[in-house]
Amino acid sequence: MVPNKERSMSRLKRLVAMTIAGLALSAAAGVTDAQQPAQSPQPTQSPQAAPPPAPQAPELTQIALTDKQIQDLLDSQRDMDAITSKLPDDPSKPPDASVMAQLDTVAKKHGFASYADYGNVAANIDMLLDGFDPQTKKFVGFEAVVKDEIAQIEADTRMPARDKKEALDELNAALKNIPTVKFPANIELVGKYYDKLNDALREQE
């Protein structure tokens, strides 16, 4: 398995793309909210009132994947990569409207309702890829993968102590948040296309 530090860096572009999809989903939700009837004004907050919490990225909505969705995603990668490869490596900097329009156009061209729809399908696949052993290409579960990475990092005598601590802290935190697969049939479907999906969503990075 790839050591966690390198693995995390290799996933940066993919995470940026997922964040953009989340922004698209949030924007769509904002439009819906704006269309709701106006409510009566709320009382003015006192100066001591706590500021509203910072917005968070939408949580993954697990869906039952289909062969068509996976084929459409694979077919879209060349067009998607042409756009996302030019994005800055910082998910806190949202792309401008023209880039969002390009991503939306590509998603619709390949059968998705929007780029947010594409992003949710990709995120569902990406989550499952985290549970596969790259050597055997079998689904072994998220916990087994994380524990294996922890063992590898603990045994790595060349890794700087600071990097090792950061990686171990990240992995031990991940152990406390192991996701539950709501649609077990997705595992078999992702396994069927494992090589192609791994190449499309990870290896090119």
C-alpha atoms as a PDB file:
ATOM      1  CA  MET A   1       0.000   0.000   0.000  1.00  0.00           C
ATOM      2  CA  VAL A   2       1.088   3.580  -0.586  1.00  0.00           C
ATOM      3  CA  PRO A   3       2.198   5.281   2.663  1.00  0.00           C
ATOM      4  CA  ASN A   4      -0.471   7.604   3.977  1.00  0.00           C
ATOM      5  CA  LYS A   5       1.568  10.817   3.593  1.00  0.00           C
ATOM      6  CA  GLU A   6       2.150  10.233  -0.119  1.00  0.00           C
ATOM      7  CA  ARG A   7      -1.370   8.897  -0.591  1.00  0.00           C
ATOM      8  CA  SER A   8      -2.866  12.028   0.921  1.00  0.00           C
ATOM      9  CA  MET A   9      -0.846  14.297  -1.354  1.00  0.00           C
ATOM     10  CA  SER A  10      -1.756  12.288  -4.454  1.00  0.00           C
ATOM     11  CA  ARG A  11      -5.451  12.762  -3.642  1.00  0.00           C
ATOM     12  CA  LEU A  12      -5.283  16.567  -3.465  1.00  0.00           C
ATOM     13  CA  LYS A  13      -6.620  17.318  -6.953  1.00  0.00           C
ATOM     14  CA  ARG A  14      -9.407  14.798  -6.470  1.00  0.00           C
ATOM     15  CA  LEU A  15     -10.398  16.370  -3.161  1.00  0.00           C
ATOM     16  CA  VAL A  16     -10.400  19.810  -4.773  1.00  0.00           C
ATOM     17  CA  ALA A  17     -12.749  18.471  -7.438  1.00  0.00           C
ATOM     18  CA  MET A  18     -15.016  16.960  -4.774  1.00  0.00           C
ATOM     19  CA  THR A  19     -15.071  20.299  -2.930  1.00  0.00           C
ATOM     20  CA  ILE A  20     -16.110  22.070  -6.118  1.00  0.00           C
ATOM     21  CA  ALA A  21     -18.943  19.590  -6.532  1.00  0.00           C
ATOM     22  CA  GLY A  22     -19.964  20.351  -2.961  1.00  0.00           C
ATOM     23  CA  LEU A  23     -19.939  24.058  -3.757  1.00  0.00           C
ATOM     24  CA  ALA A  24     -22.203  23.404  -6.709  1.00  0.00           C
ATOM     25  CA  LEU A  25     -24.569  21.445  -4.472  1.00  0.00           C
ATOM     26  CA  SER A  26     -24.526  24.214  -1.869  1.00  0.00           C
ATOM     27  CA  ALA A  27     -25.204  26.826  -4.533  1.00  0.00           C
ATOM     28  CA  ALA A  28     -28.196  24.853  -5.757  1.00  0.00           C
ATOM     29  CA  ALA A  29     -29.503  24.625  -2.197  1.00  0.00           C
ATOM     30  CA  GLY A  30     -28.998  28.370  -1.836  1.00  0.00           C
ATOM     31  CA  VAL A  31     -31.161  29.017  -4.878  1.00  0.00           C
ATOM     32  CA  THR A  32     -33.905  26.821  -3.411  1.00  0.00           C
ATOM     33  CA  ASP A  33     -33.740  28.654  -0.104  1.00  0.00           C
ATOM     34  CA  ALA A  34     -33.951  31.987  -1.890  1.00  0.00           C
ATOM     35  CA  GLN A  35     -37.177  30.879  -3.531  1.00  0.00           C
ATOM     36  CA  GLN A  36     -38.876  30.174  -0.200  1.00  0.00           C
ATOM     37  CA  PRO A  37     -41.413  32.735   1.126  1.00  0.00           C
ATOM     38  CA  ALA A  38     -39.864  35.443   3.246  1.00  0.00           C
ATOM     39  CA  GLN A  39     -40.299  34.954   6.960  1.00  0.00           C
ATOM     40  CA  SER A  40     -40.952  37.628   9.542  1.00  0.00           C
ATOM     41  CA  PRO A  41     -37.779  39.370  10.684  1.00  0.00           C
ATOM     42  CA  GLN A  42     -36.094  37.926  13.733  1.00  0.00           C
ATOM     43  CA  PRO A  43     -35.227  40.007  16.781  1.00  0.00           C
ATOM     44  CA  THR A  44     -31.906  41.772  16.591  1.00  0.00           C
ATOM     45  CA  GLN A  45     -29.151  39.760  18.240  1.00  0.00           C
ATOM     46  CA  SER A  46     -27.356  41.225  21.193  1.00  0.00           C
ATOM     47  CA  PRO A  47     -23.696  42.243  20.751  1.00  0.00           C
ATOM     48  CA  GLN A  48     -22.701  39.262  22.899  1.00  0.00           C
ATOM     49  CA  ALA A  49     -24.390  36.743  20.587  1.00  0.00           C
ATOM     50  CA  ALA A  50     -22.052  34.121  19.176  1.00  0.00           C
ATOM     51  CA  PRO A  51     -21.314  34.409  15.427  1.00  0.00           C
ATOM     52  CA  PRO A  52     -22.948  31.818  13.161  1.00  0.00           C
ATOM     53  CA  PRO A  53     -20.864  28.687  12.583  1.00  0.00           C
ATOM     54  CA  ALA A  54     -18.688  28.542   9.482  1.00  0.00           C
ATOM     55  CA  PRO A  55     -20.290  26.678   6.566  1.00  0.00           C
ATOM     56  CA  GLN A  56     -19.214  23.072   6.203  1.00  0.00           C
ATOM     57  CA  ALA A  57     -18.924  20.891   3.121  1.00  0.00           C
ATOM     58  CA  PRO A  58     -22.031  18.793   2.489  1.00  0.00           C
ATOM     59  CA  GLU A  59     -21.834  15.248   3.825  1.00  0.00           C
ATOM     60  CA  LEU A  60     -21.645  12.418   1.350  1.00  0.00           C
ATOM     61  CA  THR A  61     -25.059  11.182   0.283  1.00  0.00           C
ATOM     62  CA  GLN A  62     -24.694   7.475  -0.363  1.00  0.00           C
ATOM     63  CA  ILE A  63     -26.568   6.210  -3.404  1.00  0.00           C
ATOM     64  CA  ALA A  64     -27.058   2.874  -5.131  1.00  0.00           C
ATOM     65  CA  LEU A  65     -24.583   3.021  -8.008  1.00  0.00           C
ATOM     66  CA  THR A  66     -25.342   1.680 -11.472  1.00  0.00           C
ATOM     67  CA  ASP A  67     -23.230   0.369 -14.334  1.00  0.00           C
ATOM     68  CA  LYS A  68     -24.298   3.350 -16.413  1.00  0.00           C
ATOM     69  CA  GLN A  69     -23.149   5.877 -13.816  1.00  0.00           C
ATOM     70  CA  ILE A  70     -19.738   4.253 -13.627  1.00  0.00           C
ATOM     71  CA  GLN A  71     -19.392   4.054 -17.411  1.00  0.00           C
ATOM     72  CA  ASP A  72     -20.478   7.688 -17.740  1.00  0.00           C
ATOM     73  CA  LEU A  73     -17.947   8.739 -15.116  1.00  0.00           C
ATOM     74  CA  LEU A  74     -15.143   6.834 -16.829  1.00  0.00           C
ATOM     75  CA  ASP A  75     -16.102   8.299 -20.210  1.00  0.00           C
ATOM     76  CA  SER A  76     -16.077  11.823 -18.779  1.00  0.00           C
ATOM     77  CA  GLN A  77     -12.587  11.741 -17.292  1.00  0.00           C
ATOM     78  CA  ARG A  78     -10.678  13.143 -20.267  1.00  0.00           C
ATOM     79  CA  ASP A  79     -12.996  16.156 -20.452  1.00  0.00           C
ATOM     80  CA  MET A  80     -13.089  16.605 -16.672  1.00  0.00           C
ATOM     81  CA  ASP A  81      -9.314  16.353 -16.301  1.00  0.00           C
ATOM     82  CA  ALA A  82      -8.815  19.030 -18.950  1.00  0.00           C
ATOM     83  CA  ILE A  83     -10.601  21.438 -16.604  1.00  0.00           C
ATOM     84  CA  THR A  84      -9.686  20.228 -13.099  1.00  0.00           C
ATOM     85  CA  SER A  85      -5.971  19.881 -13.944  1.00  0.00           C
ATOM     86  CA  LYS A  86      -5.802  23.680 -14.208  1.00  0.00           C
ATOM     87  CA  LEU A  87      -7.420  24.328 -10.840  1.00  0.00           C
ATOM     88  CA  PRO A  88      -5.339  25.676  -7.915  1.00  0.00           C
ATOM     89  CA  ASP A  89      -4.349  23.144  -5.261  1.00  0.00           C
ATOM     90  CA  ASP A  90      -6.474  24.884  -2.654  1.00  0.00           C
ATOM     91  CA  PRO A  91     -10.109  23.858  -2.066  1.00  0.00           C
ATOM     92  CA  SER A  92     -10.714  27.095  -0.137  1.00  0.00           C
ATOM     93  CA  LYS A  93     -10.488  29.045  -3.398  1.00  0.00           C
ATOM     94  CA  PRO A  94     -13.675  28.379  -5.361  1.00  0.00           C
ATOM     95  CA  PRO A  95     -13.448  28.566  -9.157  1.00  0.00           C
ATOM     96  CA  ASP A  96     -15.133  31.373 -11.045  1.00  0.00           C
ATOM     97  CA  ALA A  97     -18.521  31.041 -12.670  1.00  0.00           C
ATOM     98  CA  SER A  98     -17.079  30.232 -16.096  1.00  0.00           C
ATOM     99  CA  VAL A  99     -15.221  27.201 -14.741  1.00  0.00           C
ATOM    100  CA  MET A 100     -18.327  25.985 -12.922  1.00  0.00           C
ATOM    101  CA  ALA A 101     -20.271  26.343 -16.166  1.00  0.00           C
ATOM    102  CA  GLN A 102     -17.659  24.266 -18.016  1.00  0.00           C
ATOM    103  CA  LEU A 103     -17.804  21.518 -15.382  1.00  0.00           C
ATOM    104  CA  ASP A 104     -21.591  21.509 -15.477  1.00  0.00           C
ATOM    105  CA  THR A 105     -21.571  21.283 -19.268  1.00  0.00           C
ATOM    106  CA  VAL A 106     -19.184  18.311 -19.262  1.00  0.00           C
ATOM    107  CA  ALA A 107     -21.227  16.532 -16.585  1.00  0.00           C
ATOM    108  CA  LYS A 108     -24.450  16.940 -18.541  1.00  0.00           C
ATOM    109  CA  LYS A 109     -22.725  15.859 -21.755  1.00  0.00           C
ATOM    110  CA  HIS A 110     -21.910  12.551 -20.068  1.00  0.00           C
ATOM    111  CA  GLY A 111     -25.343  11.835 -18.640  1.00  0.00           C
ATOM    112  CA  PHE A 112     -25.255  13.510 -15.215  1.00  0.00           C
ATOM    113  CA  ALA A 113     -27.873  15.993 -14.056  1.00  0.00           C
ATOM    114  CA  SER A 114     -25.158  18.462 -13.006  1.00  0.00           C
ATOM    115  CA  TYR A 115     -21.577  18.638 -11.822  1.00  0.00           C
ATOM    116  CA  ALA A 116     -22.845  18.217  -8.258  1.00  0.00           C
ATOM    117  CA  ASP A 117     -24.504  14.967  -9.363  1.00  0.00           C
ATOM    118  CA  TYR A 118     -21.253  13.835 -10.979  1.00  0.00           C
ATOM    119  CA  GLY A 119     -19.340  14.757  -7.820  1.00  0.00           C
ATOM    120  CA  ASN A 120     -21.626  12.719  -5.579  1.00  0.00           C
ATOM    121  CA  VAL A 121     -21.261   9.642  -7.802  1.00  0.00           C
ATOM    122  CA  ALA A 122     -17.477  10.084  -7.832  1.00  0.00           C
ATOM    123  CA  ALA A 123     -17.426  10.543  -4.036  1.00  0.00           C
ATOM    124  CA  ASN A 124     -19.422   7.340  -3.516  1.00  0.00           C
ATOM    125  CA  ILE A 125     -16.937   5.437  -5.669  1.00  0.00           C
ATOM    126  CA  ASP A 126     -13.968   7.116  -4.001  1.00  0.00           C
ATOM    127  CA  MET A 127     -15.218   6.137  -0.546  1.00  0.00           C
ATOM    128  CA  LEU A 128     -15.385   2.485  -1.579  1.00  0.00           C
ATOM    129  CA  LEU A 129     -11.929   2.556  -3.201  1.00  0.00           C
ATOM    130  CA  ASP A 130     -10.573   3.390   0.265  1.00  0.00           C
ATOM    131  CA  GLY A 131     -11.693  -0.059   1.411  1.00  0.00           C
ATOM    132  CA  PHE A 132      -9.888  -2.018  -1.307  1.00  0.00           C
ATOM    133  CA  ASP A 133      -6.439  -3.574  -0.939  1.00  0.00           C
ATOM    134  CA  PRO A 134      -4.536  -2.328  -4.023  1.00  0.00           C
ATOM    135  CA  GLN A 135      -2.422  -5.495  -4.122  1.00  0.00           C
ATOM    136  CA  THR A 136      -5.245  -8.025  -4.107  1.00  0.00           C
ATOM    137  CA  LYS A 137      -7.828  -5.627  -5.568  1.00  0.00           C
ATOM    138  CA  LYS A 138     -10.299  -7.057  -3.085  1.00  0.00           C
ATOM    139  CA  PHE A 139     -12.532  -5.153  -0.692  1.00  0.00           C
ATOM    140  CA  VAL A 140     -11.125  -5.788   2.781  1.00  0.00           C
ATOM    141  CA  GLY A 141     -12.955  -3.004   4.618  1.00  0.00           C
ATOM    142  CA  PHE A 142     -12.000   0.515   5.672  1.00  0.00           C
ATOM    143  CA  GLU A 143     -10.804  -0.494   9.126  1.00  0.00           C
ATOM    144  CA  ALA A 144      -8.430  -3.156   7.776  1.00  0.00           C
ATOM    145  CA  VAL A 145      -6.928  -0.701   5.277  1.00  0.00           C
ATOM    146  CA  VAL A 146      -6.392   1.995   7.918  1.00  0.00           C
ATOM    147  CA  LYS A 147      -4.836  -0.442  10.412  1.00  0.00           C
ATOM    148  CA  ASP A 148      -2.493  -1.723   7.714  1.00  0.00           C
ATOM    149  CA  GLU A 149      -1.377   1.818   6.933  1.00  0.00           C
ATOM    150  CA  ILE A 150      -0.819   2.499  10.639  1.00  0.00           C
ATOM    151  CA  ALA A 151       1.385  -0.603  10.896  1.00  0.00           C
ATOM    152  CA  GLN A 152       3.400   0.426   7.849  1.00  0.00           C
ATOM    153  CA  ILE A 153       3.992   3.945   9.130  1.00  0.00           C
ATOM    154  CA  GLU A 154       4.929   2.741  12.616  1.00  0.00           C
ATOM    155  CA  ALA A 155       7.492   0.406  11.039  1.00  0.00           C
ATOM    156  CA  ASP A 156       8.933   3.122   8.755  1.00  0.00           C
ATOM    157  CA  THR A 157      12.284   4.143  10.227  1.00  0.00           C
ATOM    158  CA  ARG A 158      13.032   6.728   7.515  1.00  0.00           C
ATOM    159  CA  MET A 159       9.916   8.837   7.904  1.00  0.00           C
ATOM    160  CA  PRO A 160      10.524  12.117   9.784  1.00  0.00           C
ATOM    161  CA  ALA A 161       9.088  12.030  13.292  1.00  0.00           C
ATOM    162  CA  ARG A 162       6.849  15.034  12.704  1.00  0.00           C
ATOM    163  CA  ASP A 163       5.384  13.559   9.513  1.00  0.00           C
ATOM    164  CA  LYS A 164       4.925  10.210  11.223  1.00  0.00           C
ATOM    165  CA  LYS A 165       3.022  11.778  14.113  1.00  0.00           C
ATOM    166  CA  GLU A 166       0.766  13.763  11.768  1.00  0.00           C
ATOM    167  CA  ALA A 167       0.034  10.682   9.663  1.00  0.00           C
ATOM    168  CA  LEU A 168      -0.670   8.489  12.687  1.00  0.00           C
ATOM    169  CA  ASP A 169      -2.912  11.130  14.254  1.00  0.00           C
ATOM    170  CA  GLU A 170      -4.863  11.355  10.992  1.00  0.00           C
ATOM    171  CA  LEU A 171      -5.218   7.597  10.686  1.00  0.00           C
ATOM    172  CA  ASN A 172      -6.194   7.046  14.311  1.00  0.00           C
ATOM    173  CA  ALA A 173      -8.849   9.736  13.896  1.00  0.00           C
ATOM    174  CA  ALA A 174     -10.053   7.930  10.770  1.00  0.00           C
ATOM    175  CA  LEU A 175     -10.486   4.739  12.808  1.00  0.00           C
ATOM    176  CA  LYS A 176     -13.064   6.544  14.916  1.00  0.00           C
ATOM    177  CA  ASN A 177     -15.057   7.567  11.851  1.00  0.00           C
ATOM    178  CA  ILE A 178     -15.239   4.405   9.770  1.00  0.00           C
ATOM    179  CA  PRO A 179     -18.184   4.815   7.346  1.00  0.00           C
ATOM    180  CA  THR A 180     -20.929   2.248   7.001  1.00  0.00           C
ATOM    181  CA  VAL A 181     -21.667   1.126   3.451  1.00  0.00           C
ATOM    182  CA  LYS A 182     -25.404   1.594   3.022  1.00  0.00           C
ATOM    183  CA  PHE A 183     -25.538  -0.164  -0.343  1.00  0.00           C
ATOM    184  CA  PRO A 184     -23.376  -3.345  -0.187  1.00  0.00           C
ATOM    185  CA  ALA A 185     -24.051  -4.078  -3.875  1.00  0.00           C
ATOM    186  CA  ASN A 186     -21.893  -1.023  -4.670  1.00  0.00           C
ATOM    187  CA  ILE A 187     -18.833  -2.921  -3.458  1.00  0.00           C
ATOM    188  CA  GLU A 188     -19.188  -5.598  -6.109  1.00  0.00           C
ATOM    189  CA  LEU A 189     -19.871  -2.999  -8.782  1.00  0.00           C
ATOM    190  CA  VAL A 190     -16.793  -0.919  -7.925  1.00  0.00           C
ATOM    191  CA  GLY A 191     -14.730  -4.120  -7.714  1.00  0.00           C
ATOM    192  CA  LYS A 192     -15.866  -5.019 -11.223  1.00  0.00           C
ATOM    193  CA  TYR A 193     -14.352  -1.769 -12.539  1.00  0.00           C
ATOM    194  CA  TYR A 194     -11.590  -1.457  -9.939  1.00  0.00           C
ATOM    195  CA  ASP A 195      -8.623  -1.000 -12.292  1.00  0.00           C
ATOM    196  CA  LYS A 196     -10.351   1.538 -14.505  1.00  0.00           C
ATOM    197  CA  LEU A 197     -11.745   3.496 -11.565  1.00  0.00           C
ATOM    198  CA  ASN A 198      -8.432   3.483  -9.729  1.00  0.00           C
ATOM    199  CA  ASP A 199      -6.682   4.767 -12.843  1.00  0.00           C
ATOM    200  CA  ALA A 200      -9.339   7.402 -13.490  1.00  0.00           C
ATOM    201  CA  LEU A 201      -9.702   8.791  -9.959  1.00  0.00           C
ATOM    202  CA  ARG A 202      -6.243   8.232  -8.501  1.00  0.00           C
ATOM    203  CA  GLU A 203      -3.350   6.977 -10.568  1.00  0.00           C
ATOM    204  CA  GLN A 204      -3.297   9.948 -12.940  1.00  0.00           C
ATOM    205  CA  GLU A 205      -2.719  12.240  -9.966  1.00  0.00           C
END
